Amino acid sequence: MENQNYSSTIIVNKDAQTAFNAIKNLRAWWSEEIIGETGTPGETFFYHYKDVHLCKVKLLEGLPNKKLVYLVTDNEFSFVEDKTEWINTKLIFEIAEEGNKTKVIFTHEGLTPEYECYEVCNDAWTSYIQGSLKSLIEKGSGMPNGKEGGLNAELIKKWGLPEK
């Protein structure tokens, strides 16, 4: 059976170190609404898009200029029946120089077509990887979700976040 995990590949006109550093800077290509450290192995960060999607993600492995592996440790969607889809899935970035270009393969291991969120997540990841991350690596600026607020006191308490 064919691999059903979501995957997206980009080829960029930059070196592996530039790609690696850009990937670790999730605020610059995924969302400005990230609380915590995104580039240090063992550290956990919190991402949210309003109250539509909230998740905690831990960097498991950071092999400089080669690979980053993040684990989704907690997750909640507001738009699907199983709010916990994504828990224990991995966000894997594999980086390899090919001549004067660099190939980045992103795989969301565990995000499969069986998930109710798959279509929405597929579209979102494709936009972030093919558009925002590629732009950040090549041009120095991505197109992350901007700061929008949207977290009420109840959610801040539930997710154990620092109050602003």
N, C-alpha and C. Protein backbone atom coordinates (compact mmCIF):
# COMPACT_ATOMS: atom_id res chain seq x y z
N MET A 1 0.84 -1.19 0.00
CA MET A 1 0.00 0.00 0.00
C MET A 1 0.88 1.24 0.00
N GLU A 2 0.47 2.21 -0.77
CA GLU A 2 1.20 3.46 -0.93
C GLU A 2 1.13 4.30 0.35
N ASN A 3 2.19 5.07 0.59
CA ASN A 3 2.24 5.97 1.74
C ASN A 3 1.12 7.00 1.62
N GLN A 4 0.27 7.08 2.63
CA GLN A 4 -0.87 7.99 2.58
C GLN A 4 -0.66 9.25 3.41
N ASN A 5 0.52 9.38 4.06
CA ASN A 5 0.80 10.59 4.83
C ASN A 5 0.84 11.79 3.91
N TYR A 6 0.44 12.95 4.42
CA TYR A 6 0.55 14.17 3.63
C TYR A 6 2.03 14.48 3.43
N SER A 7 2.39 14.86 2.21
CA SER A 7 3.77 15.25 1.92
C SER A 7 3.79 16.33 0.86
N SER A 8 4.78 17.21 0.97
CA SER A 8 4.96 18.29 0.00
C SER A 8 6.45 18.55 -0.14
N THR A 9 6.91 18.71 -1.37
CA THR A 9 8.33 18.93 -1.64
C THR A 9 8.53 20.26 -2.34
N ILE A 10 9.56 20.98 -1.91
CA ILE A 10 9.96 22.21 -2.60
C ILE A 10 11.44 22.14 -2.93
N ILE A 11 11.82 22.79 -4.02
CA ILE A 11 13.22 22.96 -4.40
C ILE A 11 13.47 24.47 -4.34
N VAL A 12 14.51 24.86 -3.59
CA VAL A 12 14.79 26.28 -3.39
C VAL A 12 16.20 26.62 -3.87
N ASN A 13 16.38 27.85 -4.25
CA ASN A 13 17.66 28.34 -4.74
C ASN A 13 18.50 28.90 -3.60
N LYS A 14 18.59 28.15 -2.52
CA LYS A 14 19.39 28.54 -1.35
C LYS A 14 20.07 27.29 -0.81
N ASP A 15 21.02 27.50 0.11
CA ASP A 15 21.73 26.36 0.69
C ASP A 15 20.91 25.72 1.81
N ALA A 16 21.37 24.55 2.26
CA ALA A 16 20.65 23.78 3.27
C ALA A 16 20.57 24.52 4.61
N GLN A 17 21.62 25.26 4.97
CA GLN A 17 21.59 25.99 6.24
C GLN A 17 20.52 27.06 6.23
N THR A 18 20.37 27.76 5.12
CA THR A 18 19.33 28.79 5.01
C THR A 18 17.95 28.15 5.14
N ALA A 19 17.75 27.01 4.49
CA ALA A 19 16.46 26.31 4.56
C ALA A 19 16.20 25.83 5.99
N PHE A 20 17.20 25.23 6.62
CA PHE A 20 17.06 24.71 7.99
C PHE A 20 16.67 25.83 8.95
N ASN A 21 17.38 26.94 8.88
CA ASN A 21 17.09 28.07 9.77
C ASN A 21 15.70 28.65 9.53
N ALA A 22 15.28 28.70 8.29
CA ALA A 22 13.94 29.21 7.96
C ALA A 22 12.86 28.29 8.50
N ILE A 23 13.03 26.99 8.34
CA ILE A 23 12.03 26.03 8.81
C ILE A 23 11.83 26.18 10.32
N LYS A 24 12.92 26.30 11.07
CA LYS A 24 12.84 26.43 12.54
C LYS A 24 12.11 27.69 12.98
N ASN A 25 12.05 28.68 12.11
CA ASN A 25 11.41 29.96 12.43
C ASN A 25 9.93 29.89 12.02
N LEU A 26 9.17 29.05 12.69
CA LEU A 26 7.77 28.82 12.32
C LEU A 26 6.91 30.08 12.36
N ARG A 27 7.27 31.07 13.19
CA ARG A 27 6.52 32.33 13.25
C ARG A 27 6.62 33.10 11.93
N ALA A 28 7.69 32.86 11.19
CA ALA A 28 7.91 33.61 9.96
C ALA A 28 7.24 32.99 8.74
N TRP A 29 6.78 31.73 8.86
CA TRP A 29 6.11 31.13 7.70
C TRP A 29 4.79 30.43 8.03
N TRP A 30 4.56 30.02 9.30
CA TRP A 30 3.31 29.34 9.65
C TRP A 30 2.36 30.32 10.33
N SER A 31 2.77 30.85 11.47
CA SER A 31 1.87 31.74 12.21
C SER A 31 2.64 32.61 13.19
N GLU A 32 2.25 33.86 13.26
CA GLU A 32 2.80 34.76 14.28
C GLU A 32 2.18 34.45 15.65
N GLU A 33 1.14 33.62 15.67
CA GLU A 33 0.46 33.24 16.91
C GLU A 33 1.06 31.96 17.48
N ILE A 34 2.36 31.97 17.71
CA ILE A 34 3.06 30.84 18.31
C ILE A 34 3.69 31.34 19.60
N ILE A 35 3.48 30.59 20.67
CA ILE A 35 4.05 30.92 21.96
C ILE A 35 5.06 29.83 22.29
N GLY A 36 6.30 30.22 22.56
CA GLY A 36 7.33 29.25 22.93
C GLY A 36 8.41 29.13 21.89
N GLU A 37 9.40 28.31 22.21
CA GLU A 37 10.59 28.11 21.39
C GLU A 37 10.32 27.04 20.33
N THR A 38 10.62 27.36 19.06
CA THR A 38 10.33 26.44 17.95
C THR A 38 11.56 25.74 17.39
N GLY A 39 12.76 26.14 17.82
CA GLY A 39 13.95 25.60 17.20
C GLY A 39 14.90 24.85 18.11
N THR A 40 14.49 24.59 19.35
CA THR A 40 15.37 23.90 20.30
C THR A 40 14.80 22.52 20.63
N PRO A 41 15.58 21.45 20.35
CA PRO A 41 15.09 20.11 20.66
C PRO A 41 14.69 19.98 22.13
N GLY A 42 13.54 19.33 22.35
CA GLY A 42 13.01 19.13 23.69
C GLY A 42 12.02 20.20 24.11
N GLU A 43 12.02 21.32 23.41
CA GLU A 43 11.11 22.42 23.75
C GLU A 43 9.75 22.23 23.08
N THR A 44 8.70 22.71 23.75
CA THR A 44 7.34 22.63 23.23
C THR A 44 6.83 24.04 22.99
N PHE A 45 6.11 24.21 21.87
CA PHE A 45 5.46 25.49 21.60
C PHE A 45 3.98 25.29 21.39
N PHE A 46 3.25 26.38 21.49
CA PHE A 46 1.79 26.37 21.32
C PHE A 46 1.44 27.19 20.09
N TYR A 47 0.62 26.62 19.22
CA TYR A 47 0.12 27.30 18.01
C TYR A 47 -1.38 27.41 18.11
N HIS A 48 -1.91 28.53 17.62
CA HIS A 48 -3.36 28.58 17.48
C HIS A 48 -3.76 29.48 16.33
N TYR A 49 -4.89 29.14 15.75
CA TYR A 49 -5.56 30.01 14.79
C TYR A 49 -6.94 30.27 15.38
N LYS A 50 -7.10 31.46 15.94
CA LYS A 50 -8.32 31.82 16.67
C LYS A 50 -8.65 30.65 17.61
N ASP A 51 -9.91 30.21 17.65
CA ASP A 51 -10.21 29.01 18.43
C ASP A 51 -10.58 27.86 17.48
N VAL A 52 -10.17 27.99 16.22
CA VAL A 52 -10.44 26.99 15.21
C VAL A 52 -9.45 25.82 15.31
N HIS A 53 -8.19 26.15 15.56
CA HIS A 53 -7.16 25.12 15.66
C HIS A 53 -6.16 25.54 16.73
N LEU A 54 -5.96 24.66 17.70
CA LEU A 54 -5.00 24.87 18.76
C LEU A 54 -4.16 23.61 18.87
N CYS A 55 -2.84 23.76 19.02
CA CYS A 55 -2.03 22.56 19.22
C CYS A 55 -0.73 22.89 19.95
N LYS A 56 -0.21 21.86 20.62
CA LYS A 56 1.10 21.93 21.24
C LYS A 56 2.02 21.00 20.45
N VAL A 57 3.21 21.51 20.16
CA VAL A 57 4.15 20.79 19.31
C VAL A 57 5.53 20.81 19.95
N LYS A 58 6.18 19.65 19.96
CA LYS A 58 7.51 19.52 20.58
C LYS A 58 8.53 19.16 19.51
N LEU A 59 9.67 19.86 19.54
CA LEU A 59 10.76 19.52 18.62
C LEU A 59 11.51 18.32 19.19
N LEU A 60 11.39 17.17 18.51
CA LEU A 60 12.04 15.94 18.95
C LEU A 60 13.49 15.86 18.48
N GLU A 61 13.73 16.29 17.24
CA GLU A 61 15.04 16.10 16.63
C GLU A 61 15.37 17.27 15.74
N GLY A 62 16.59 17.74 15.86
CA GLY A 62 17.09 18.79 14.99
C GLY A 62 18.49 18.43 14.54
N LEU A 63 18.61 17.84 13.37
CA LEU A 63 19.91 17.48 12.80
C LEU A 63 20.29 18.61 11.85
N PRO A 64 21.24 19.47 12.28
CA PRO A 64 21.53 20.70 11.53
C PRO A 64 21.67 20.50 10.02
N ASN A 65 20.91 21.31 9.30
CA ASN A 65 20.92 21.37 7.84
C ASN A 65 20.46 20.09 7.15
N LYS A 66 19.89 19.15 7.93
CA LYS A 66 19.45 17.87 7.36
C LYS A 66 18.01 17.51 7.69
N LYS A 67 17.60 17.68 8.97
CA LYS A 67 16.29 17.16 9.36
C LYS A 67 15.77 17.82 10.62
N LEU A 68 14.46 18.03 10.65
CA LEU A 68 13.74 18.49 11.84
C LEU A 68 12.52 17.59 12.01
N VAL A 69 12.28 17.14 13.24
CA VAL A 69 11.11 16.30 13.52
C VAL A 69 10.37 16.89 14.71
N TYR A 70 9.13 17.27 14.49
CA TYR A 70 8.26 17.81 15.54
C TYR A 70 7.15 16.79 15.82
N LEU A 71 6.75 16.69 17.10
CA LEU A 71 5.66 15.81 17.52
C LEU A 71 4.50 16.67 18.02
N VAL A 72 3.31 16.42 17.52
CA VAL A 72 2.12 17.10 18.02
C VAL A 72 1.68 16.37 19.28
N THR A 73 1.81 17.06 20.42
CA THR A 73 1.51 16.41 21.70
C THR A 73 0.08 16.65 22.17
N ASP A 74 -0.54 17.71 21.67
CA ASP A 74 -1.94 18.00 22.01
C ASP A 74 -2.54 18.77 20.85
N ASN A 75 -3.81 18.62 20.64
CA ASN A 75 -4.45 19.25 19.49
C ASN A 75 -5.95 19.37 19.71
N GLU A 76 -6.51 20.41 19.15
CA GLU A 76 -7.97 20.58 19.18
C GLU A 76 -8.40 21.36 17.95
N PHE A 77 -9.32 20.76 17.20
CA PHE A 77 -9.96 21.43 16.07
C PHE A 77 -11.39 21.75 16.46
N SER A 78 -11.91 22.86 15.97
CA SER A 78 -13.31 23.19 16.26
C SER A 78 -14.25 22.72 15.15
N PHE A 79 -13.69 22.25 14.02
CA PHE A 79 -14.51 22.00 12.84
C PHE A 79 -14.66 20.53 12.46
N VAL A 80 -14.18 19.62 13.30
CA VAL A 80 -14.32 18.20 13.01
C VAL A 80 -14.88 17.49 14.25
N GLU A 81 -15.44 16.31 14.04
CA GLU A 81 -16.03 15.58 15.16
C GLU A 81 -14.96 15.13 16.17
N ASP A 82 -13.87 14.53 15.65
CA ASP A 82 -12.78 14.11 16.53
C ASP A 82 -11.82 15.29 16.69
N LYS A 83 -11.99 16.02 17.75
CA LYS A 83 -11.22 17.24 17.98
C LYS A 83 -9.72 16.97 18.15
N THR A 84 -9.37 15.71 18.42
CA THR A 84 -7.98 15.37 18.75
C THR A 84 -7.16 14.87 17.55
N GLU A 85 -7.72 14.92 16.36
CA GLU A 85 -6.92 14.56 15.20
C GLU A 85 -5.60 15.34 15.27
N TRP A 86 -4.56 14.74 14.86
CA TRP A 86 -3.17 15.24 14.85
C TRP A 86 -2.39 14.80 16.07
N ILE A 87 -3.03 14.47 17.22
CA ILE A 87 -2.24 14.09 18.39
C ILE A 87 -1.38 12.87 18.04
N ASN A 88 -0.10 12.95 18.41
CA ASN A 88 0.92 11.93 18.15
C ASN A 88 1.29 11.79 16.68
N THR A 89 0.95 12.78 15.86
CA THR A 89 1.46 12.81 14.49
C THR A 89 2.77 13.60 14.50
N LYS A 90 3.55 13.46 13.44
CA LYS A 90 4.85 14.13 13.37
C LYS A 90 4.94 15.03 12.14
N LEU A 91 5.57 16.18 12.33
CA LEU A 91 5.88 17.11 11.25
C LEU A 91 7.36 16.93 10.95
N ILE A 92 7.68 16.36 9.79
CA ILE A 92 9.06 15.99 9.47
C ILE A 92 9.53 16.81 8.27
N PHE A 93 10.68 17.45 8.45
CA PHE A 93 11.31 18.22 7.38
C PHE A 93 12.65 17.57 7.07
N GLU A 94 12.82 17.10 5.84
CA GLU A 94 14.08 16.51 5.41
C GLU A 94 14.70 17.45 4.38
N ILE A 95 15.98 17.75 4.56
CA ILE A 95 16.66 18.77 3.77
C ILE A 95 17.87 18.13 3.10
N ALA A 96 18.04 18.36 1.79
CA ALA A 96 19.18 17.82 1.07
C ALA A 96 19.60 18.78 -0.03
N GLU A 97 20.90 19.06 -0.08
CA GLU A 97 21.40 19.90 -1.17
C GLU A 97 21.49 19.06 -2.43
N GLU A 98 21.07 19.65 -3.53
CA GLU A 98 21.14 19.01 -4.84
C GLU A 98 21.76 20.01 -5.79
N GLY A 99 23.06 19.88 -6.00
CA GLY A 99 23.78 20.86 -6.82
C GLY A 99 23.78 22.20 -6.09
N ASN A 100 23.35 23.24 -6.77
CA ASN A 100 23.29 24.57 -6.14
C ASN A 100 21.90 24.90 -5.60
N LYS A 101 21.07 23.87 -5.47
CA LYS A 101 19.72 24.05 -4.92
C LYS A 101 19.55 23.14 -3.70
N THR A 102 18.46 23.36 -3.00
CA THR A 102 18.16 22.53 -1.83
C THR A 102 16.74 22.00 -1.95
N LYS A 103 16.60 20.71 -1.68
CA LYS A 103 15.29 20.07 -1.67
C LYS A 103 14.82 19.96 -0.23
N VAL A 104 13.58 20.38 0.01
CA VAL A 104 12.95 20.23 1.32
C VAL A 104 11.72 19.34 1.14
N ILE A 105 11.71 18.23 1.86
CA ILE A 105 10.54 17.34 1.83
C ILE A 105 9.86 17.47 3.19
N PHE A 106 8.62 17.92 3.17
CA PHE A 106 7.82 18.00 4.39
C PHE A 106 6.84 16.85 4.38
N THR A 107 6.81 16.08 5.47
CA THR A 107 5.83 15.00 5.62
C THR A 107 5.12 15.20 6.95
N HIS A 108 3.79 15.20 6.90
CA HIS A 108 3.02 15.19 8.14
C HIS A 108 2.64 13.73 8.35
N GLU A 109 3.52 13.04 9.08
CA GLU A 109 3.35 11.60 9.32
C GLU A 109 2.16 11.37 10.25
N GLY A 110 1.17 10.64 9.74
CA GLY A 110 -0.04 10.38 10.51
C GLY A 110 -1.24 11.17 10.00
N LEU A 111 -0.98 12.21 9.22
CA LEU A 111 -2.08 12.95 8.60
C LEU A 111 -2.43 12.23 7.31
N THR A 112 -3.52 11.46 7.35
CA THR A 112 -3.91 10.62 6.23
C THR A 112 -5.32 10.98 5.78
N PRO A 113 -5.70 10.54 4.57
CA PRO A 113 -7.02 10.86 4.04
C PRO A 113 -8.18 10.39 4.92
N GLU A 114 -7.94 9.47 5.86
CA GLU A 114 -9.00 9.02 6.75
C GLU A 114 -9.42 10.11 7.74
N TYR A 115 -8.54 11.05 8.00
CA TYR A 115 -8.86 12.13 8.93
C TYR A 115 -9.92 13.05 8.34
N GLU A 116 -10.86 13.45 9.17
CA GLU A 116 -11.91 14.37 8.73
C GLU A 116 -11.31 15.72 8.31
N CYS A 117 -10.22 16.12 8.95
CA CYS A 117 -9.60 17.41 8.63
C CYS A 117 -8.71 17.36 7.40
N TYR A 118 -8.53 16.18 6.79
CA TYR A 118 -7.50 16.00 5.77
C TYR A 118 -7.59 17.02 4.63
N GLU A 119 -8.75 17.23 4.08
CA GLU A 119 -8.86 18.14 2.94
C GLU A 119 -8.45 19.56 3.32
N VAL A 120 -8.96 20.04 4.45
CA VAL A 120 -8.60 21.38 4.91
C VAL A 120 -7.12 21.45 5.25
N CYS A 121 -6.61 20.45 5.95
CA CYS A 121 -5.20 20.42 6.34
C CYS A 121 -4.29 20.32 5.12
N ASN A 122 -4.68 19.50 4.15
CA ASN A 122 -3.92 19.36 2.91
C ASN A 122 -3.79 20.72 2.23
N ASP A 123 -4.89 21.42 2.07
CA ASP A 123 -4.86 22.74 1.43
C ASP A 123 -4.00 23.72 2.22
N ALA A 124 -4.14 23.70 3.54
CA ALA A 124 -3.39 24.63 4.38
C ALA A 124 -1.90 24.33 4.31
N TRP A 125 -1.50 23.07 4.50
CA TRP A 125 -0.08 22.73 4.45
C TRP A 125 0.52 23.06 3.09
N THR A 126 -0.21 22.77 2.03
CA THR A 126 0.30 23.07 0.69
C THR A 126 0.57 24.56 0.55
N SER A 127 -0.33 25.38 1.03
CA SER A 127 -0.13 26.83 0.98
C SER A 127 1.07 27.26 1.82
N TYR A 128 1.17 26.74 3.03
CA TYR A 128 2.28 27.12 3.90
C TYR A 128 3.63 26.66 3.33
N ILE A 129 3.71 25.42 2.84
CA ILE A 129 5.00 24.88 2.38
C ILE A 129 5.36 25.43 1.00
N GLN A 130 4.44 25.29 0.04
CA GLN A 130 4.73 25.71 -1.33
C GLN A 130 4.79 27.24 -1.49
N GLY A 131 4.07 27.94 -0.63
CA GLY A 131 4.03 29.40 -0.73
C GLY A 131 4.88 30.07 0.33
N SER A 132 4.42 30.04 1.57
CA SER A 132 5.04 30.82 2.64
C SER A 132 6.46 30.37 2.98
N LEU A 133 6.67 29.08 3.21
CA LEU A 133 8.01 28.60 3.57
C LEU A 133 8.98 28.80 2.42
N LYS A 134 8.57 28.47 1.22
CA LYS A 134 9.45 28.64 0.06
C LYS A 134 9.85 30.11 -0.09
N SER A 135 8.89 31.01 0.09
CA SER A 135 9.19 32.44 0.01
C SER A 135 10.15 32.88 1.10
N LEU A 136 9.95 32.37 2.32
CA LEU A 136 10.85 32.72 3.41
C LEU A 136 12.27 32.27 3.10
N ILE A 137 12.43 31.06 2.62
CA ILE A 137 13.76 30.55 2.32
C ILE A 137 14.41 31.35 1.19
N GLU A 138 13.67 31.57 0.10
CA GLU A 138 14.27 32.20 -1.08
C GLU A 138 14.33 33.72 -1.01
N LYS A 139 13.33 34.36 -0.41
CA LYS A 139 13.25 35.82 -0.44
C LYS A 139 13.43 36.48 0.92
N GLY A 140 13.43 35.67 1.98
CA GLY A 140 13.63 36.22 3.31
C GLY A 140 12.36 36.66 4.00
N SER A 141 11.21 36.46 3.35
CA SER A 141 9.94 36.79 4.02
C SER A 141 8.86 35.79 3.61
N GLY A 142 8.16 35.28 4.63
CA GLY A 142 7.07 34.35 4.40
C GLY A 142 5.74 35.05 4.52
N MET A 143 4.67 34.28 4.50
CA MET A 143 3.32 34.81 4.60
C MET A 143 2.56 34.04 5.69
N PRO A 144 3.00 34.19 6.95
CA PRO A 144 2.35 33.45 8.04
C PRO A 144 1.01 34.06 8.40
N ASN A 145 0.21 33.30 9.14
CA ASN A 145 -1.00 33.89 9.73
C ASN A 145 -0.53 35.03 10.63
N GLY A 146 -1.23 36.15 10.56
CA GLY A 146 -0.88 37.28 11.40
C GLY A 146 -1.45 37.14 12.79
N LYS A 147 -1.04 38.02 13.67
CA LYS A 147 -1.60 38.03 15.03
C LYS A 147 -3.05 38.48 14.95
N GLU A 148 -3.95 37.69 15.50
CA GLU A 148 -5.36 38.05 15.44
C GLU A 148 -6.04 37.99 16.79
N GLY A 149 -5.29 37.56 17.81
CA GLY A 149 -5.94 37.42 19.12
C GLY A 149 -6.90 36.25 19.05
N GLY A 150 -8.04 36.41 19.67
CA GLY A 150 -9.06 35.39 19.56
C GLY A 150 -9.05 34.34 20.67
N LEU A 151 -8.05 34.37 21.54
CA LEU A 151 -8.04 33.41 22.64
C LEU A 151 -8.64 34.05 23.87
N ASN A 152 -9.69 33.44 24.37
CA ASN A 152 -10.30 33.99 25.58
C ASN A 152 -9.64 33.42 26.82
N ALA A 153 -9.98 33.97 27.96
CA ALA A 153 -9.36 33.58 29.22
C ALA A 153 -9.54 32.09 29.51
N GLU A 154 -10.68 31.53 29.15
CA GLU A 154 -10.94 30.12 29.38
C GLU A 154 -9.96 29.24 28.61
N LEU A 155 -9.71 29.59 27.34
CA LEU A 155 -8.77 28.81 26.54
C LEU A 155 -7.34 28.97 27.06
N ILE A 156 -6.98 30.17 27.48
CA ILE A 156 -5.64 30.41 28.02
C ILE A 156 -5.41 29.51 29.23
N LYS A 157 -6.41 29.42 30.10
CA LYS A 157 -6.30 28.58 31.30
C LYS A 157 -6.26 27.10 30.91
N LYS A 158 -7.16 26.67 30.02
CA LYS A 158 -7.25 25.28 29.62
C LYS A 158 -5.94 24.77 29.04
N TRP A 159 -5.28 25.59 28.23
CA TRP A 159 -4.06 25.18 27.54
C TRP A 159 -2.79 25.50 28.35
N GLY A 160 -2.98 26.08 29.56
CA GLY A 160 -1.84 26.36 30.42
C GLY A 160 -0.88 27.39 29.88
N LEU A 161 -1.44 28.42 29.24
CA LEU A 161 -0.62 29.45 28.60
C LEU A 161 -0.39 30.64 29.52
N PRO A 162 0.73 31.34 29.31
CA PRO A 162 0.93 32.56 30.11
C PRO A 162 -0.08 33.62 29.69
N GLU A 163 -0.61 34.32 30.66
CA GLU A 163 -1.55 35.41 30.34
C GLU A 163 -0.76 36.60 29.87
N LYS A 164 -1.33 37.29 28.89
CA LYS A 164 -0.61 38.43 28.31
C LYS A 164 -0.78 39.68 29.13
